[in-house]
Each structure stands twice: as structure tokens, then as C-alpha cells.
Protein backbone atom coordinates (compact mmCIF):
# COMPACT_ATOMS: atom_id res chain seq x y z
CA MET A 1 0.00 0.00 0.00
CA THR A 2 1.13 3.53 -0.74
CA ALA A 3 2.60 5.29 2.29
CA LEU A 4 0.34 7.69 4.16
CA LEU A 5 2.09 11.00 4.69
CA PRO A 6 1.72 12.89 7.97
CA THR A 7 0.00 16.27 7.75
CA PRO A 8 0.25 19.33 9.99
CA LYS A 9 -1.49 19.21 13.35
CA GLY A 10 -4.94 20.68 13.08
CA TRP A 11 -5.65 19.54 9.52
CA PRO A 12 -8.98 17.69 9.52
CA SER A 13 -9.28 14.05 8.54
CA ILE A 14 -12.45 12.66 6.99
CA LEU A 15 -11.46 10.04 4.44
CA LEU A 16 -8.54 8.67 6.45
CA ALA A 17 -10.02 9.20 9.92
CA ARG A 18 -9.84 5.44 10.60
CA ARG A 19 -6.36 5.05 9.14
CA GLY A 20 -4.88 3.67 12.37
CA ALA A 21 -7.01 0.52 12.41
CA ALA A 22 -4.93 -2.60 12.89
CA ASP A 23 -7.27 -4.51 10.59
CA PRO A 24 -9.26 -2.42 8.07
CA ILE A 25 -11.85 -5.18 7.65
CA ASP A 26 -12.50 -5.62 11.38
CA PHE A 27 -16.20 -4.72 11.42
CA ASP A 28 -16.49 -4.25 15.17
CA ALA A 29 -13.53 -1.87 15.24
CA ALA A 30 -14.94 0.12 12.33
CA ALA A 31 -18.40 0.24 13.91
CA SER A 32 -17.00 1.49 17.21
CA ALA A 33 -15.37 4.31 15.22
CA GLY A 34 -18.67 5.28 13.60
CA ALA A 35 -19.07 3.00 10.59
CA PHE A 36 -22.67 2.65 9.36
CA GLU A 37 -24.05 5.29 11.71
CA GLY A 38 -24.66 7.46 8.65
CA LEU A 39 -26.59 4.71 6.85
CA ARG A 40 -28.62 4.06 9.97
CA ARG A 41 -29.54 7.74 10.20
CA ALA A 42 -30.43 7.88 6.51
CA ILE A 43 -32.79 4.91 6.64
CA ARG A 44 -34.34 5.41 10.07
CA GLU A 45 -34.45 9.18 10.36
CA LEU A 46 -33.91 11.17 7.18
CA GLY A 47 -35.49 9.15 4.38
CA PRO A 48 -34.34 9.39 0.75
CA GLU A 49 -35.23 13.07 0.23
CA GLY A 50 -33.88 14.11 3.63
CA THR A 51 -30.63 12.28 2.94
CA THR A 52 -30.18 14.09 -0.37
CA ALA A 53 -31.06 17.40 1.29
CA GLU A 54 -28.36 16.85 3.93
CA VAL A 55 -25.75 16.13 1.26
CA GLU A 56 -26.90 19.17 -0.68
CA ALA A 57 -26.62 21.42 2.38
CA SER A 58 -23.07 20.18 2.97
CA GLY A 59 -21.90 21.49 -0.41
CA LEU A 60 -20.21 18.17 -1.29
CA ARG A 61 -18.73 18.14 -4.79
CA GLY A 62 -17.39 15.24 -6.78
CA ARG A 63 -13.79 14.24 -6.17
CA GLY A 64 -13.39 12.66 -9.59
CA GLY A 65 -12.20 15.85 -11.25
CA ALA A 66 -15.02 18.01 -12.58
CA GLY A 67 -16.40 18.93 -9.16
CA HIS A 68 -20.10 18.53 -9.94
CA ARG A 69 -22.54 18.93 -7.07
CA THR A 70 -23.12 15.47 -5.62
CA ALA A 71 -26.72 16.05 -4.60
CA ALA A 72 -27.63 17.36 -8.06
CA LYS A 73 -26.75 13.99 -9.60
CA TRP A 74 -28.77 12.20 -6.93
CA ARG A 75 -31.83 14.35 -7.52
CA THR A 76 -31.66 13.87 -11.27
CA ALA A 77 -31.38 10.09 -11.00
CA ALA A 78 -34.09 9.84 -8.34
CA GLY A 79 -36.44 12.08 -10.32
CA THR A 80 -36.08 10.25 -13.64
CA PRO A 81 -38.91 7.72 -14.13
CA ALA A 82 -37.44 4.25 -14.47
CA ARG A 83 -37.94 0.63 -13.50
CA ALA A 84 -34.46 0.43 -12.03
CA ARG A 85 -31.67 2.76 -10.96
CA TYR A 86 -28.01 2.07 -10.25
CA VAL A 87 -25.08 3.43 -8.29
CA VAL A 88 -21.55 2.92 -9.60
CA ALA A 89 -18.52 3.80 -7.48
CA ASN A 90 -15.48 4.49 -9.63
CA GLY A 91 -12.39 3.26 -7.81
CA TYR A 92 -10.45 2.31 -10.92
CA GLY A 93 -7.88 5.08 -10.56
CA ALA A 94 -7.33 5.39 -14.29
CA ASP A 95 -4.75 8.15 -14.31
CA PRO A 96 -1.21 6.77 -14.58
CA GLY A 97 0.48 6.49 -11.22
CA SER A 98 -2.70 7.14 -9.25
CA GLY A 99 -2.61 5.82 -5.70
CA THR A 100 -5.32 7.82 -3.95
CA ASP A 101 -8.39 5.72 -4.68
CA ARG A 102 -6.58 2.46 -4.08
CA THR A 103 -5.24 3.78 -0.79
CA LEU A 104 -8.75 4.69 0.36
CA LEU A 105 -10.13 1.29 -0.63
CA GLU A 106 -7.39 -0.49 1.28
CA THR A 107 -7.45 1.80 4.31
CA ASP A 108 -11.19 2.10 4.93
CA PRO A 109 -13.31 -0.15 2.70
CA TYR A 110 -16.28 0.21 5.05
CA ALA A 111 -16.52 3.95 4.37
CA VAL A 112 -16.84 3.23 0.65
CA VAL A 113 -19.40 0.46 1.14
CA GLU A 114 -21.47 2.63 3.46
CA GLY A 115 -21.33 5.61 1.11
CA VAL A 116 -22.48 3.47 -1.81
CA ALA A 117 -25.35 2.09 0.27
CA ILE A 118 -26.45 5.59 1.30
CA ALA A 119 -26.43 6.79 -2.31
CA ALA A 120 -28.43 3.74 -3.39
CA PHE A 121 -30.98 4.39 -0.67
CA ALA A 122 -31.25 8.06 -1.60
CA ILE A 123 -31.99 7.46 -5.30
CA GLY A 124 -33.99 4.25 -4.92
CA ALA A 125 -31.42 1.89 -6.42
CA GLU A 126 -31.46 -1.79 -5.52
CA GLU A 127 -28.15 -2.63 -7.17
CA ALA A 128 -24.78 -0.92 -6.89
CA PHE A 129 -21.26 -1.66 -8.11
CA ILE A 130 -17.82 -0.74 -6.86
CA CYS A 131 -15.38 -0.81 -9.77
CA VAL A 132 -11.76 -1.49 -8.92
CA ARG A 133 -8.67 -2.08 -11.01
CA SER A 134 -8.32 -5.87 -11.20
CA THR A 135 -4.59 -5.68 -10.46
CA ALA A 136 -5.32 -3.94 -7.13
CA THR A 137 -5.83 -7.31 -5.51
CA GLU A 138 -5.54 -6.12 -1.92
CA ALA A 139 -8.18 -3.46 -2.47
CA VAL A 140 -10.48 -5.94 -4.18
CA GLY A 141 -10.07 -8.45 -1.36
CA ARG A 142 -10.71 -5.94 1.41
CA LEU A 143 -13.72 -4.47 -0.35
CA GLN A 144 -15.26 -7.89 -0.90
CA ALA A 145 -14.69 -8.79 2.76
CA ALA A 146 -16.31 -5.50 3.81
CA VAL A 147 -19.34 -6.10 1.56
CA ASP A 148 -19.75 -9.65 2.86
CA GLU A 149 -19.48 -8.54 6.47
CA ALA A 150 -21.94 -5.65 6.00
CA ALA A 151 -24.41 -8.04 4.38
CA SER A 152 -24.06 -10.60 7.18
CA ARG A 153 -24.82 -7.83 9.70
CA ASN A 154 -27.93 -6.82 7.73
CA PHE A 155 -26.69 -3.33 6.79
CA ILE A 156 -27.09 -4.20 3.12
CA GLY A 157 -28.87 -7.00 1.29
CA ASP A 158 -32.53 -7.93 0.83
CA ASP A 159 -33.71 -6.17 3.99
CA ALA A 160 -31.22 -3.43 4.81
CA LEU A 161 -31.51 -2.52 8.49
CA GLY A 162 -34.98 -4.05 8.59
CA SER A 163 -36.30 -1.47 6.13
CA ARG A 164 -37.62 -4.03 3.61
CA LEU A 165 -35.41 -2.27 1.10
CA ARG A 166 -33.01 -4.21 -1.10
CA ILE A 167 -29.49 -2.78 -1.46
CA GLU A 168 -27.12 -5.21 -3.17
CA ILE A 169 -23.51 -4.16 -3.67
CA GLU A 170 -21.15 -5.99 -6.01
CA VAL A 171 -17.39 -5.51 -6.16
CA ARG A 172 -16.48 -5.56 -9.82
CA PRO A 173 -12.78 -5.84 -10.78
CA VAL A 174 -12.21 -4.23 -14.18
CA GLN A 175 -9.20 -3.90 -16.39
CA GLY A 176 -8.49 -1.64 -19.31
CA ALA A 177 -6.64 1.53 -20.16
CA TYR A 178 -6.70 5.17 -19.18
CA MET A 179 -10.11 5.64 -20.80
CA LEU A 180 -11.83 3.65 -18.06
CA GLY A 181 -11.66 6.80 -16.00
CA GLU A 182 -14.29 8.34 -18.31
CA GLU A 183 -17.68 7.51 -16.88
CA THR A 184 -19.45 6.38 -20.06
CA VAL A 185 -16.53 4.10 -20.93
CA LEU A 186 -16.58 2.56 -17.45
CA LEU A 187 -20.32 1.94 -17.67
CA LYS A 188 -19.85 0.14 -20.98
CA ALA A 189 -17.04 -1.98 -19.56
CA LEU A 190 -19.27 -2.80 -16.59
CA ASP A 191 -21.88 -4.07 -19.03
CA GLY A 192 -19.37 -6.11 -21.02
CA LYS A 193 -19.35 -3.77 -24.01
CA ARG A 194 -16.59 -2.09 -25.95
CA GLY A 195 -15.13 0.84 -24.04
CA GLN A 196 -15.96 3.66 -26.41
CA PRO A 197 -16.91 7.05 -24.91
CA GLU A 198 -20.42 8.34 -25.56
CA GLN A 199 -21.47 11.85 -26.36
CA ARG A 200 -23.44 13.62 -23.65
CA PRO A 201 -26.26 14.45 -23.10
CA PRO A 202 -27.94 12.26 -22.14
CA HIS A 203 -25.89 12.03 -18.98
CA PRO A 204 -25.66 8.82 -16.95
CA ALA A 205 -27.92 10.29 -14.26
CA THR A 206 -30.79 10.07 -16.74
CA ARG A 207 -29.59 7.19 -18.96
CA GLY A 208 -26.55 5.27 -17.88
CA PHE A 209 -25.92 1.63 -16.96
CA ARG A 210 -28.35 -0.62 -18.85
CA ASN A 211 -29.98 2.60 -20.13
CA ALA A 212 -31.25 3.33 -16.63
CA PRO A 213 -30.62 6.36 -14.39
CA THR A 214 -27.19 5.88 -12.86
CA VAL A 215 -25.24 7.79 -10.24
CA ILE A 216 -21.57 7.24 -11.01
CA GLN A 217 -19.14 8.91 -8.64
CA ASN A 218 -15.60 8.61 -7.43
CA VAL A 219 -15.06 6.46 -4.34
CA GLN A 220 -13.70 9.46 -2.43
CA THR A 221 -16.95 11.32 -3.03
CA LEU A 222 -19.10 8.46 -1.78
CA ALA A 223 -16.82 7.67 1.19
CA THR A 224 -17.29 11.26 2.38
CA VAL A 225 -21.08 10.92 2.65
CA PRO A 226 -21.17 8.81 5.86
CA TRP A 227 -19.10 11.45 7.69
CA ILE A 228 -21.58 14.13 6.60
CA LEU A 229 -24.56 12.18 7.90
CA ARG A 230 -22.82 11.39 11.18
CA ASN A 231 -21.55 14.90 11.89
CA GLY A 232 -23.99 17.10 10.03
CA ALA A 233 -23.91 19.17 6.86
CA MET A 234 -22.81 22.35 8.61
CA ALA A 235 -19.82 20.65 10.25
CA PHE A 236 -18.67 19.49 6.83
CA ALA A 237 -19.29 22.85 5.17
CA ALA A 238 -17.02 24.48 7.77
CA ILE A 239 -14.03 22.42 6.55
CA GLY A 240 -12.00 23.41 3.51
CA ALA A 241 -13.00 26.22 1.16
CA ALA A 242 -16.36 27.93 0.90
CA ASP A 243 -16.82 26.81 -2.72
CA ALA A 244 -15.26 23.39 -2.15
CA PRO A 245 -15.90 22.06 1.37
CA GLY A 246 -14.16 19.05 2.85
CA THR A 247 -10.93 17.25 2.12
CA VAL A 248 -9.39 15.30 -0.75
CA LEU A 249 -6.65 12.70 -1.07
CA VAL A 250 -3.55 13.73 -3.02
CA ASP A 251 -0.49 11.88 -4.25
CA VAL A 252 2.63 13.71 -3.13
CA ARG A 253 5.99 12.63 -4.49
CA GLY A 254 8.68 14.88 -3.22
CA ALA A 255 12.32 15.63 -2.80
CA ALA A 256 12.34 13.85 0.56
CA LYS A 257 9.33 11.50 0.64
CA SER A 258 6.34 10.34 -1.32
CA GLY A 259 2.88 9.07 -0.52
CA VAL A 260 -0.79 9.93 -0.14
CA ALA A 261 -2.00 12.75 2.08
CA GLU A 262 -5.42 14.08 2.99
CA VAL A 263 -5.61 17.84 2.55
CA PRO A 264 -8.42 20.36 3.03
CA PHE A 265 -9.65 22.09 -0.09
CA GLY A 266 -8.30 25.62 -0.17
CA THR A 267 -4.79 24.56 0.84
CA SER A 268 -2.15 26.23 -1.31
CA LEU A 269 -0.11 24.25 -3.81
CA ARG A 270 2.96 25.40 -1.89
CA ASP A 271 1.76 23.79 1.35
CA ILE A 272 0.84 20.59 -0.45
CA THR A 273 4.18 20.21 -2.20
CA THR A 274 5.96 20.87 1.09
CA LEU A 275 4.47 17.62 2.44
CA GLY A 276 6.95 15.84 0.18
CA GLY A 277 9.88 18.01 1.14
CA VAL A 278 11.51 20.92 -0.66
CA PRO A 279 14.49 20.93 -3.02
CA ARG A 280 17.82 21.89 -1.55
CA ALA A 281 19.43 25.16 -2.58
CA PRO A 282 20.40 26.29 -5.12
CA ARG A 283 17.61 24.36 -6.81
CA VAL A 284 14.17 25.95 -6.69
CA VAL A 285 10.69 25.10 -7.87
CA LYS A 286 10.34 26.44 -11.41
CA ALA A 287 7.12 24.78 -12.56
CA VAL A 288 4.01 23.16 -11.18
CA VAL A 289 2.28 20.41 -13.14
CA VAL A 290 -1.21 19.80 -11.78
CA GLY A 291 -3.20 16.99 -13.32
CA GLY A 292 -1.33 14.45 -15.35
CA PRO A 293 -1.64 13.76 -19.05
CA THR A 294 -4.82 15.86 -18.99
CA GLY A 295 -3.48 18.50 -16.63
CA GLY A 296 -1.47 21.64 -17.15
CA ILE A 297 1.91 23.06 -16.27
CA LEU A 298 1.69 26.19 -14.14
CA PRO A 299 4.44 28.74 -13.49
CA PRO A 300 6.07 28.93 -10.04
CA SER A 301 4.03 32.02 -9.26
CA ALA A 302 1.06 29.65 -9.06
CA LEU A 303 2.39 27.94 -5.94
CA ASP A 304 0.18 30.14 -3.80
CA THR A 305 -2.91 29.11 -5.76
CA ALA A 306 -5.59 27.56 -3.56
CA TYR A 307 -6.38 23.93 -4.26
CA THR A 308 -9.98 24.38 -5.35
CA PHE A 309 -11.70 23.62 -8.62
CA GLU A 310 -12.28 27.23 -9.65
CA ALA A 311 -8.90 28.55 -8.52
CA LEU A 312 -6.98 25.92 -10.46
CA ARG A 313 -9.07 26.41 -13.57
CA ALA A 314 -8.52 30.16 -13.39
CA ALA A 315 -4.79 29.52 -13.13
CA GLY A 316 -4.87 27.58 -16.39
CA LYS A 317 -5.19 24.01 -15.21
CA ILE A 318 -7.55 21.67 -17.03
CA ASP A 319 -10.36 20.70 -14.69
CA GLU A 320 -10.72 16.99 -15.35
CA SER A 321 -8.06 15.72 -12.96
CA VAL A 322 -8.16 17.81 -9.81
CA GLU A 323 -6.83 15.12 -7.57
CA SER A 324 -3.19 14.71 -6.76
CA PHE A 325 0.40 15.65 -7.19
CA LEU A 326 3.89 14.51 -7.95
CA HIS A 327 6.76 16.60 -6.69
CA ALA A 328 10.15 15.83 -8.17
CA GLY A 329 13.41 17.56 -8.89
CA GLY A 330 14.86 17.48 -12.20
CA LYS A 331 15.12 18.18 -15.79
CA ASN A 332 13.45 19.87 -18.64
CA VAL A 333 9.76 20.86 -18.56
CA LYS A 334 9.65 20.68 -22.33
CA ALA A 335 10.53 16.99 -22.07
CA VAL A 336 7.94 16.56 -19.33
CA GLN A 337 5.17 18.12 -21.42
CA GLU A 338 6.07 16.03 -24.45
CA ALA A 339 6.05 12.88 -22.32
CA LEU A 340 2.68 13.82 -20.83
CA TRP A 341 1.09 14.12 -24.24
CA ALA A 342 2.79 10.99 -25.52
CA GLU A 343 1.49 9.05 -22.52
CA TYR A 344 -1.99 10.51 -22.91
CA GLY A 345 -2.05 9.67 -26.62
CA ALA A 346 -0.92 6.11 -25.93
CA ARG A 347 -3.59 5.51 -23.31
CA THR A 348 -6.61 7.10 -24.97
CA ILE A 349 -8.62 6.11 -28.01
CA GLY A 350 -10.43 7.68 -30.93
CA VAL A 351 -10.62 11.44 -31.23
CA MET A 352 -8.96 11.93 -27.83
CA ALA A 353 -5.84 10.10 -28.97
CA ASP A 354 -5.85 11.99 -32.26
CA GLY A 355 -6.20 15.26 -30.38
CA ALA A 356 -3.28 14.41 -28.14
CA ARG A 357 -1.05 13.80 -31.13
CA VAL A 358 -2.14 17.08 -32.72
CA LEU A 359 -1.43 18.94 -29.49
CA ALA A 360 2.02 17.40 -29.38
CA ARG A 361 2.76 18.70 -32.86
CA ILE A 362 1.41 22.15 -31.97
CA TRP A 363 3.59 22.13 -28.86
CA GLN A 364 6.70 21.27 -30.84
CA GLY A 365 5.94 24.02 -33.34
CA ALA A 366 5.32 26.52 -30.55
CA TRP A 367 8.57 25.54 -28.88
CA ASN A 368 10.51 25.95 -32.09
CA ALA A 369 8.94 29.40 -32.48
CA GLY A 370 9.82 30.32 -28.90
CA ASN A 371 6.24 30.25 -27.59
CA GLY A 372 6.12 26.93 -25.75
CA ASN A 373 5.67 28.65 -22.42
CA ALA A 374 2.16 29.83 -23.33
CA ILE A 375 0.99 26.27 -23.71
CA ALA A 376 2.98 25.07 -20.73
CA ALA A 377 1.33 27.61 -18.47
CA GLY A 378 -2.08 26.98 -19.99
CA LYS A 379 -2.33 30.63 -21.01
CA LEU A 380 -2.39 32.08 -24.51
CA LYS A 381 -0.13 35.02 -23.81
CA SER A 382 3.41 35.78 -24.86
CA ILE A 383 6.39 35.66 -22.53
CA ALA A 384 9.87 36.90 -23.34
CA PRO A 385 12.22 34.26 -24.80
CA SER A 386 14.60 34.88 -21.89
CA GLN A 387 11.85 33.83 -19.48
CA LEU A 388 11.12 30.82 -21.64
CA LYS A 389 14.70 29.57 -21.46
CA ASP A 390 14.78 30.03 -17.70
CA TYR A 391 11.46 28.23 -17.41
CA TYR A 392 12.78 25.11 -19.10
CA ASN A 393 16.14 24.71 -17.44
CA ASP A 394 16.78 22.51 -14.42
CA VAL A 395 13.27 22.48 -13.02
CA THR A 396 11.45 21.03 -10.09
CA PHE A 397 7.85 20.25 -10.78
CA VAL A 398 4.64 18.96 -9.26
CA GLU A 399 2.57 16.42 -11.12
CA SER A 400 -0.44 14.22 -10.56
CA PHE A 401 -1.04 10.60 -11.52
CA TYR A 402 2.05 9.91 -13.59
CA LEU A 403 3.87 6.69 -14.39
CA ASP A 404 6.84 6.03 -12.18
CA ASP A 405 8.91 4.62 -15.02
CA ILE A 406 8.33 7.71 -17.17
CA ILE A 407 9.22 10.00 -14.28
CA GLY A 408 12.36 7.98 -13.71
CA LYS A 409 13.47 8.83 -17.22
CA LEU A 410 12.75 12.51 -16.83
CA VAL A 411 13.97 13.26 -13.31
């Protein structure tokens, strides 16, 4: 399992609050620490609409990248007439080098199972799936043990908590390429079909798995829901940033140490990269890569940018991979950008792969013309060639979800 990095005293912990458990699948230990109290409150006190209203009041947004309002998806799925509805938890961790979702699944599988059950109850779904990379065998094993134990204790199954409601959860190992991180591709793979992305609308919340309304969300999003129902929407809304409450797991790979850390939204990129150590003088941070193959390279002036969806987008970062970071010392950002696009092109299909190859050619042309920095910073503005040369020499950068072997070649 990826190492869990210590964070400053006073930083809140939601997703990794039970990280110290000797045995993550010990049900009694998890229950004594609050597991399934949220589901119990949802079923016995709040009801489906009240549960969705509590999540809405909390301000919870999706942790999968785009930051959509969680409750909005639930309301859409619940309000769409259908014979059946589904919940799909995406724990595949498609981005290269991703360790955050797998770490959560291995550290606290009960939080994920409970969150999935709550979402299913809220939208009226009888079946739910937790999708995990098939090679993440430890995560798959712990999740399956947690599902089995929860069913044997009557928290899920044909009569969840004596409610006469059926909530069946299946752990589904899946294997594919980078594109499985796209929700319509994952839904097709789940149904045994070719993994080709679909145009939207319609969105999965109205027509998804088996053409039925489907809530598909990242495992971090769903694992946050039990904490909200246990502690209240206002307690959650008070953590993190006003426009992005709560915490998120990030991959930090630094000059001194690497691992996964839980950070509150609104934390600066500088504070996050510091969790992995800082480069020794005379080397300094000269670039920040947030995202991965789909992310963007930001200038060092962006280190004080708050880690929120809107702030990162405004800084020039693409919004589809707001999740984690790699911090490494090293070489040439031009080489890094070219490797990012090469990796993205190799792992995507169809028009996305074609687009990646076109972008790579545009990048090379811009570099040859002395304008590569505009693309690197995600901003279409000119910077003096002298700044460009400085930008590309002997850099330290931050990156999310990137292949270790590729990084080893670049750093």
C-alpha cells in the first residue's frame, strides 16, 4: 500500500479518519469508530429526500475531477422515471500512477461500502457496483470482505436494516486503459461492451448503466457521505474552502518523501508540495504540473494558488483531474510536457488520442517558435524568450497521476 504521509497538526481528517485501524476489515472496530451510523440515520431518520437534502446542504462536490454537485446527480437520477436505478462507485484510478483511490479502498473499505449504500438508498437503487482495477488485488479483497461482512450484519442486502429495502452491492474488478476513468466508458465496460466514450447528453444520471438512471461517482466522493450524515452538513461545510468544502486525497511525491495525504480544499499548492519536502538550494521550484496527461503546467508564481476547482481552472489548469500531485526535482519541462502528451495519446482512443497527437505537434511548433511557455502555463499570452529559457532549465515540478517509469526517465 502507498505510504500515508503525515499532515500538519490541526488539519482535519475525513477520508482517512480510521487510518490507524490494525485490521481495516474488522467490522467491530470500524463500527466502534462510527461505521454505518450514517446509513442508519439515513434509513431510520432522514429518508431518501432528507438524505439528499443533507448532502446538498453540505456542499459536497465530486472528487473525480469536474467537481459537480453530488446532490444534483442524486436528484436527477431519483427524479427520472425508471424501473431500475443504479449506483456505480469508480475506484479504478485510471490516471497513470494514481494511488489515492486504491489507498482509500485499502485503508477504509467500510466507508466506501457505506457511502455506496447511502447513495443507493437516496436514489432508490437496488443494485450498486464498486469498480476497482483488477490488479489492485488487496483493495479488491478488502472491499469484498467488507461487503460480505456488511451483508451478514444486515446493513445491506434484501432487507437493509430491517427497512424491507433491497441494497445489493457488487465488487467488480475491471481492467483496461486510461479511458476507463471516463464515466461512459466505465459503464460500458461494466456491461461487457466495448469501451468507447459516448457523447453527452444524455448524462448517466438520466440514462446510464443498462440505459437506466445511474449515479456514477468517485469512491472518495461516496466515502465522504457517511461522515456528513454522522456529523452534520454544517460541520462538513465548515471544513476546507467555501466553494469546495471538505478534504481530498492527493499523491505527493517529493524531494524527501512520497505518498498519499489528505488535505483540506483551499490549501495552497505550496503547502501541499511541502508535504513531500523541498528541493535543496540552489535548486528551486520552477514549474508546477497539476493533473497528469490531462493537466497543465503552471508557473512557479502559481504555488500560492488555492487547491480548489475554480482557482486551479482560473490559473490555467484543465479541470478533469483535480486530484493529486507529484513533486520531483529534475530536468526539462519541455521533455515533461512532451512525455505527458505521448502518454496521454498512448492511453486514450479515438478522437482523444488523435487530439493528443495534434497537441504534441502544436507544442513542438510553438517551442521551435519560442512560444512553448504559453501552452505550458495553460495561457495564450506571450512571454519573453529569456523567461522561456529560464522556465525550461533545471526544473522542479509537481505532477499528478504519472507513471513512475516515465518520471524515472525525466527526473
